[in-house]
N, C-alpha and C. Protein backbone atom coordinates (compact mmCIF):
# COMPACT_ATOMS: atom_id res chain seq x y z
N MET A 1 -2.89 -17.30 31.86
CA MET A 1 -3.56 -18.06 30.45
C MET A 1 -1.85 -18.01 30.01
N GLU A 2 -1.53 -18.65 29.56
CA GLU A 2 -0.01 -18.89 29.22
C GLU A 2 -0.04 -17.79 27.51
N PRO A 3 1.55 -17.73 27.51
CA PRO A 3 1.76 -16.82 26.54
C PRO A 3 2.22 -17.84 25.60
N ILE A 4 1.80 -17.12 24.31
CA ILE A 4 1.77 -18.06 23.22
C ILE A 4 3.60 -17.97 22.43
N ALA A 5 3.81 -19.47 22.16
CA ALA A 5 5.07 -19.53 21.73
C ALA A 5 5.62 -18.69 21.05
N ARG A 6 6.79 -17.96 21.08
CA ARG A 6 6.92 -17.23 19.58
C ARG A 6 6.96 -18.54 18.21
N PRO A 7 7.29 -19.66 18.44
CA PRO A 7 7.36 -19.79 16.78
C PRO A 7 5.75 -19.91 15.78
N ALA A 8 4.98 -20.22 17.38
CA ALA A 8 3.24 -20.42 16.98
C ALA A 8 2.97 -18.83 16.89
N LEU A 9 3.51 -17.72 17.16
CA LEU A 9 3.00 -16.59 16.60
C LEU A 9 3.73 -16.40 15.53
N ASP A 10 4.99 -16.73 15.61
CA ASP A 10 5.75 -16.70 13.81
C ASP A 10 5.03 -17.25 12.58
N ASP A 11 4.40 -18.21 13.30
CA ASP A 11 4.24 -19.17 11.99
C ASP A 11 2.24 -18.41 11.63
N ALA A 12 1.77 -17.88 12.62
CA ALA A 12 0.46 -17.27 12.42
C ALA A 12 0.39 -16.63 11.34
N LEU A 13 1.91 -15.44 12.20
CA LEU A 13 1.63 -14.44 11.78
C LEU A 13 2.12 -14.64 9.48
N ARG A 14 3.19 -15.52 9.73
CA ARG A 14 2.84 -15.84 8.14
C ARG A 14 2.03 -16.46 7.44
N LYS A 15 1.02 -16.75 8.07
CA LYS A 15 -0.02 -17.30 7.48
C LYS A 15 -0.86 -16.53 7.42
N LEU A 16 -1.27 -15.46 7.98
CA LEU A 16 -1.49 -13.82 7.57
C LEU A 16 -1.04 -13.45 6.42
N TRP A 17 0.03 -12.83 6.56
CA TRP A 17 0.72 -12.50 5.40
C TRP A 17 0.39 -13.29 4.20
N ASP A 18 0.82 -14.70 3.92
CA ASP A 18 -0.13 -15.36 2.31
C ASP A 18 -0.98 -15.39 2.73
N LYS A 19 -1.86 -14.94 3.29
CA LYS A 19 -3.13 -15.10 3.12
C LYS A 19 -3.71 -13.81 2.50
N PHE A 20 -3.13 -12.46 3.19
CA PHE A 20 -3.79 -11.15 2.56
C PHE A 20 -2.64 -10.62 1.42
N LEU A 21 -1.76 -11.27 1.28
CA LEU A 21 -0.53 -11.23 0.30
C LEU A 21 -1.20 -10.23 -0.91
N PRO A 22 -1.89 -11.51 -1.40
CA PRO A 22 -2.54 -11.17 -2.94
C PRO A 22 -3.62 -9.86 -3.03
N GLN A 23 -4.45 -9.39 -1.75
CA GLN A 23 -4.96 -8.55 -1.80
C GLN A 23 -4.37 -6.70 -1.49
N MET A 24 -2.89 -7.43 -1.07
CA MET A 24 -1.56 -6.05 -1.02
C MET A 24 -1.30 -5.89 -1.98
N GLU A 25 -1.30 -6.65 -3.05
CA GLU A 25 -0.07 -6.79 -4.23
C GLU A 25 -1.25 -5.73 -5.11
N GLU A 26 -2.79 -6.81 -5.09
CA GLU A 26 -3.72 -5.62 -5.94
C GLU A 26 -3.80 -4.39 -5.59
N ARG A 27 -3.76 -4.36 -4.18
CA ARG A 27 -3.76 -2.66 -3.85
C ARG A 27 -2.94 -1.62 -3.96
N VAL A 28 -1.51 -2.27 -4.28
CA VAL A 28 -0.52 -1.56 -4.90
C VAL A 28 -0.34 -1.51 -6.56
N ALA A 29 -1.12 -1.98 -6.85
CA ALA A 29 -0.89 -2.46 -8.85
C ALA A 29 -2.45 -0.94 -8.91
N LEU A 30 -3.62 -1.16 -7.98
CA LEU A 30 -4.23 -0.25 -8.54
C LEU A 30 -3.43 1.82 -8.25
N LEU A 31 -2.84 1.47 -7.34
CA LEU A 31 -2.13 2.98 -6.60
C LEU A 31 -1.02 2.91 -7.84
N GLU A 32 -0.46 1.51 -8.71
CA GLU A 32 0.23 2.18 -9.71
C GLU A 32 -0.07 2.19 -11.25
N GLU A 33 -1.76 2.22 -11.30
CA GLU A 33 -2.49 2.60 -12.57
C GLU A 33 -2.99 3.92 -12.13
N ALA A 34 -3.61 4.38 -11.10
CA ALA A 34 -3.91 5.48 -10.56
C ALA A 34 -2.65 5.85 -10.66
N GLY A 35 -1.89 5.97 -10.80
CA GLY A 35 -0.33 6.93 -10.84
C GLY A 35 -0.05 7.09 -12.10
N ALA A 36 0.15 6.84 -12.98
CA ALA A 36 -0.17 6.79 -14.49
C ALA A 36 -0.65 7.06 -15.23
N ALA A 37 -2.19 7.37 -14.51
CA ALA A 37 -3.70 7.74 -14.93
C ALA A 37 -3.31 9.12 -14.59
N LEU A 38 -3.22 9.42 -13.93
CA LEU A 38 -2.71 10.90 -13.32
C LEU A 38 -1.54 11.73 -14.16
N ASP A 39 -0.51 10.78 -14.26
CA ASP A 39 0.65 11.34 -15.37
C ASP A 39 -0.06 11.84 -16.70
N ALA A 40 -0.90 10.55 -16.95
CA ALA A 40 -1.21 11.03 -18.49
C ALA A 40 -2.11 11.83 -18.15
N GLY A 41 -3.05 12.70 -17.37
CA GLY A 41 -4.08 13.24 -17.64
C GLY A 41 -5.42 12.76 -17.83
N LEU A 42 -5.28 11.37 -17.13
CA LEU A 42 -6.31 10.50 -17.47
C LEU A 42 -7.41 9.98 -16.37
N LEU A 43 -6.61 10.51 -14.75
CA LEU A 43 -7.29 10.08 -13.78
C LEU A 43 -9.20 10.22 -13.68
N THR A 44 -9.58 9.30 -13.29
CA THR A 44 -11.31 9.61 -12.82
C THR A 44 -11.42 9.74 -12.02
N SER A 45 -12.29 10.50 -11.34
CA SER A 45 -12.79 10.64 -10.03
C SER A 45 -12.96 9.29 -9.15
N ALA A 46 -13.46 7.97 -9.87
CA ALA A 46 -13.89 6.94 -9.67
C ALA A 46 -12.51 6.14 -9.14
N GLN A 47 -10.75 6.82 -10.46
CA GLN A 47 -10.10 5.96 -9.99
C GLN A 47 -9.47 6.56 -8.31
N ARG A 48 -9.08 7.38 -8.37
CA ARG A 48 -8.53 8.43 -7.44
C ARG A 48 -9.71 7.94 -6.39
N ASN A 49 -10.48 7.42 -5.95
CA ASN A 49 -11.44 7.37 -5.00
C ASN A 49 -10.80 6.18 -4.71
N ALA A 50 -10.89 4.64 -5.64
CA ALA A 50 -10.22 3.72 -5.39
C ALA A 50 -8.81 3.83 -5.17
N ALA A 51 -7.96 4.32 -5.42
CA ALA A 51 -7.07 4.53 -5.14
C ALA A 51 -6.71 4.80 -3.73
N ASN A 52 -7.26 5.99 -3.64
CA ASN A 52 -7.13 6.46 -1.95
C ASN A 52 -8.12 5.34 -1.09
N ALA A 53 -9.18 4.82 -1.09
CA ALA A 53 -9.51 3.38 -0.35
C ALA A 53 -8.12 2.73 -0.20
N ALA A 54 -7.81 2.11 -1.33
CA ALA A 54 -6.30 1.08 -1.45
C ALA A 54 -5.14 1.83 -0.76
N ALA A 55 -5.28 3.42 -0.60
CA ALA A 55 -3.95 3.29 0.47
C ALA A 55 -4.40 3.22 1.92
N HIS A 56 -5.89 3.44 2.07
CA HIS A 56 -5.73 3.54 3.17
C HIS A 56 -6.02 1.84 3.83
N LYS A 57 -6.06 0.93 3.08
CA LYS A 57 -6.64 -0.45 3.39
C LYS A 57 -4.78 -0.70 3.71
N LEU A 58 -4.21 0.05 2.90
CA LEU A 58 -2.76 -0.67 2.64
C LEU A 58 -1.89 0.25 3.82
N ALA A 59 -2.76 1.21 4.40
CA ALA A 59 -1.88 2.06 5.63
C ALA A 59 -2.04 0.74 7.19
N GLY A 60 -3.07 0.62 6.86
CA GLY A 60 -3.75 -0.42 8.52
C GLY A 60 -3.25 -1.70 7.92
N VAL A 61 -2.87 -2.27 7.27
CA VAL A 61 -2.51 -3.62 6.86
C VAL A 61 -1.01 -3.97 7.25
N LEU A 62 -0.10 -2.61 6.54
CA LEU A 62 1.07 -2.58 6.42
C LEU A 62 1.72 -3.07 8.00
N GLY A 63 1.22 -2.11 8.85
CA GLY A 63 1.51 -1.70 10.20
C GLY A 63 1.23 -3.08 11.30
N SER A 64 0.33 -3.89 10.77
CA SER A 64 0.00 -5.11 11.12
C SER A 64 0.98 -5.77 11.63
N PHE A 65 1.73 -5.77 9.87
CA PHE A 65 3.16 -6.76 10.17
C PHE A 65 4.14 -6.17 9.84
N GLY A 66 4.24 -4.89 10.69
CA GLY A 66 5.65 -4.45 11.30
C GLY A 66 6.43 -4.23 10.71
N LEU A 67 5.50 -3.26 9.41
CA LEU A 67 5.83 -2.73 7.77
C LEU A 67 5.73 -1.06 8.33
N THR A 68 6.12 -0.55 9.66
CA THR A 68 5.53 0.54 9.72
C THR A 68 5.80 1.91 8.91
N ARG A 69 7.12 1.35 7.98
CA ARG A 69 7.43 2.80 7.15
C ARG A 69 6.16 2.63 6.16
N GLY A 70 5.81 1.34 5.37
CA GLY A 70 4.83 1.22 4.89
C GLY A 70 3.71 1.93 5.28
N THR A 71 3.00 1.89 6.13
CA THR A 71 1.81 2.62 6.29
C THR A 71 2.00 4.14 6.74
N ILE A 72 3.15 4.68 6.37
CA ILE A 72 3.38 5.76 6.92
C ILE A 72 3.36 6.23 5.30
N LEU A 73 4.06 5.86 4.21
CA LEU A 73 3.84 5.68 2.64
C LEU A 73 2.73 5.90 2.15
N ALA A 74 1.43 4.53 2.65
CA ALA A 74 0.33 5.09 1.83
C ALA A 74 -0.64 5.79 2.95
N ARG A 75 -0.51 6.27 4.22
CA ARG A 75 -1.10 7.30 4.71
C ARG A 75 -0.93 8.65 3.47
N GLU A 76 0.41 8.60 3.36
CA GLU A 76 0.97 9.76 2.63
C GLU A 76 -0.01 10.07 1.07
N ALA A 77 0.55 8.76 0.23
CA ALA A 77 -0.43 8.53 -1.03
C ALA A 77 -2.22 8.53 -0.92
N GLU A 78 -2.61 8.36 0.66
CA GLU A 78 -3.94 8.38 1.21
C GLU A 78 -4.68 10.09 1.23
N ILE A 79 -3.23 10.66 1.76
CA ILE A 79 -3.70 12.03 1.97
C ILE A 79 -3.89 12.83 0.65
N LEU A 80 -2.82 12.23 -0.64
CA LEU A 80 -2.72 12.76 -1.69
C LEU A 80 -3.69 12.44 -2.27
N TYR A 81 -4.52 11.60 -2.37
CA TYR A 81 -5.26 11.06 -3.27
C TYR A 81 -6.43 11.35 -2.23
N SER A 82 -6.57 11.54 -1.42
CA SER A 82 -7.96 12.06 -0.55
C SER A 82 -8.24 14.24 -1.60
N GLY A 83 -6.99 14.43 -2.00
CA GLY A 83 -7.36 15.39 -2.65
C GLY A 83 -7.99 15.78 -3.91
N GLU A 84 -6.77 16.64 -4.55
CA GLU A 84 -7.40 17.25 -6.06
C GLU A 84 -6.20 16.56 -7.09
N PRO A 85 -5.51 15.56 -6.67
CA PRO A 85 -4.04 15.42 -7.29
C PRO A 85 -3.58 15.96 -8.90
N GLN A 86 -4.63 15.81 -9.00
CA GLN A 86 -4.41 16.35 -10.72
C GLN A 86 -4.18 17.90 -10.88
N THR A 87 -4.23 18.65 -9.75
CA THR A 87 -3.97 20.14 -9.77
C THR A 87 -2.51 20.38 -9.51
N ASP A 88 -1.79 19.49 -8.98
CA ASP A 88 -0.65 19.54 -8.44
C ASP A 88 0.50 18.71 -9.04
N PRO A 89 1.51 19.55 -10.22
CA PRO A 89 2.02 18.61 -11.29
C PRO A 89 3.05 18.15 -10.25
N ASP A 90 3.18 18.02 -9.47
CA ASP A 90 4.57 17.44 -8.74
C ASP A 90 3.50 15.70 -8.27
N ALA A 91 2.43 15.50 -7.88
CA ALA A 91 1.77 14.98 -7.67
C ALA A 91 1.68 13.20 -7.65
N ALA A 92 1.67 13.46 -9.30
CA ALA A 92 2.44 11.95 -10.42
C ALA A 92 3.52 11.57 -9.76
N ASP A 93 4.07 12.59 -9.97
CA ASP A 93 5.73 11.78 -9.33
C ASP A 93 5.95 11.20 -7.90
N GLN A 94 5.39 12.10 -7.26
CA GLN A 94 4.94 11.81 -5.60
C GLN A 94 4.53 9.78 -5.72
N LEU A 95 3.12 10.15 -6.37
CA LEU A 95 2.42 8.84 -6.16
C LEU A 95 2.74 7.68 -7.16
N ARG A 96 3.91 7.54 -7.55
CA ARG A 96 4.55 6.92 -8.67
C ARG A 96 5.64 6.54 -7.50
N THR A 97 6.45 7.53 -6.90
CA THR A 97 7.18 6.53 -5.79
C THR A 97 6.94 6.26 -5.34
N LEU A 98 5.75 6.62 -4.43
CA LEU A 98 5.39 6.02 -3.01
C LEU A 98 5.18 4.39 -3.65
N ALA A 99 3.97 4.51 -4.64
CA ALA A 99 3.95 2.88 -5.02
C ALA A 99 5.23 2.20 -5.40
N VAL A 100 5.71 2.68 -6.28
CA VAL A 100 7.25 1.85 -5.99
C VAL A 100 8.04 1.46 -4.71
N GLN A 101 7.92 2.28 -3.60
CA GLN A 101 8.44 2.10 -2.31
C GLN A 101 7.43 1.00 -1.64
N LEU A 102 6.11 1.12 -2.01
CA LEU A 102 5.36 0.22 -1.21
C LEU A 102 5.48 -0.97 -1.65
N ARG A 103 6.01 -1.24 -3.23
CA ARG A 103 6.15 -2.50 -3.89
C ARG A 103 6.75 -3.69 -3.16
N ALA A 104 8.03 -2.42 -3.50
CA ALA A 104 9.49 -2.88 -3.06
C ALA A 104 9.48 -3.56 -1.45
N MET A 105 9.06 -2.66 -0.44
CA MET A 105 8.69 -3.35 0.26
C MET A 105 8.07 -4.23 0.81
N ILE A 106 7.09 -4.93 -0.03
CA ILE A 106 6.01 -6.00 0.32
C ILE A 106 7.23 -6.74 -0.53
N GLU A 107 7.30 -6.44 -1.57
CA GLU A 107 8.39 -7.71 -1.93
C GLU A 107 9.89 -8.52 -1.04
N ALA A 108 10.19 -7.51 -1.00
CA ALA A 108 11.31 -7.75 0.14
C ALA A 108 10.70 -8.43 1.65
N ARG A 109 9.54 -7.88 1.69
CA ARG A 109 9.54 -9.02 3.19
C ARG A 109 8.76 -10.22 2.37
N LYS A 110 7.87 -10.16 1.25
CA LYS A 110 7.72 -11.60 0.70
C LYS A 110 9.00 -12.40 0.45
N ALA A 111 10.11 -11.75 0.20
CA ALA A 111 11.59 -12.35 0.50
C ALA A 111 11.73 -13.15 1.49
N SER A 112 11.16 -12.45 2.46
CA SER A 112 12.19 -13.02 3.57
C SER A 112 11.11 -14.00 4.18
N CYS A 113 9.83 -14.13 4.08
CA CYS A 113 9.61 -15.34 4.35
C CYS A 113 9.52 -16.83 3.94
């Protein structure tokens, strides 16, 4: 079997990135919204569960695009949202920072495509 030519592989990855970009952006927005709700003391368990799921999915997909640091950040958010972040006063700051870093990473990757 012949190896896939590098340009063909790059093109395929670019198409996949374009396909999954809206979902990644929506998931980061969900993390941003959950962080803001947590900061305001209004985070519901449904929001926490949705943020946990979004972080989990981001952790998987970002690594597929070579954004290993994004996987680490998203996994950190997933762990924080899997517990009870509203009991930790530093959790809101941590989660907001993680969401900002994830957004910046996706935006930088998007700009380079």
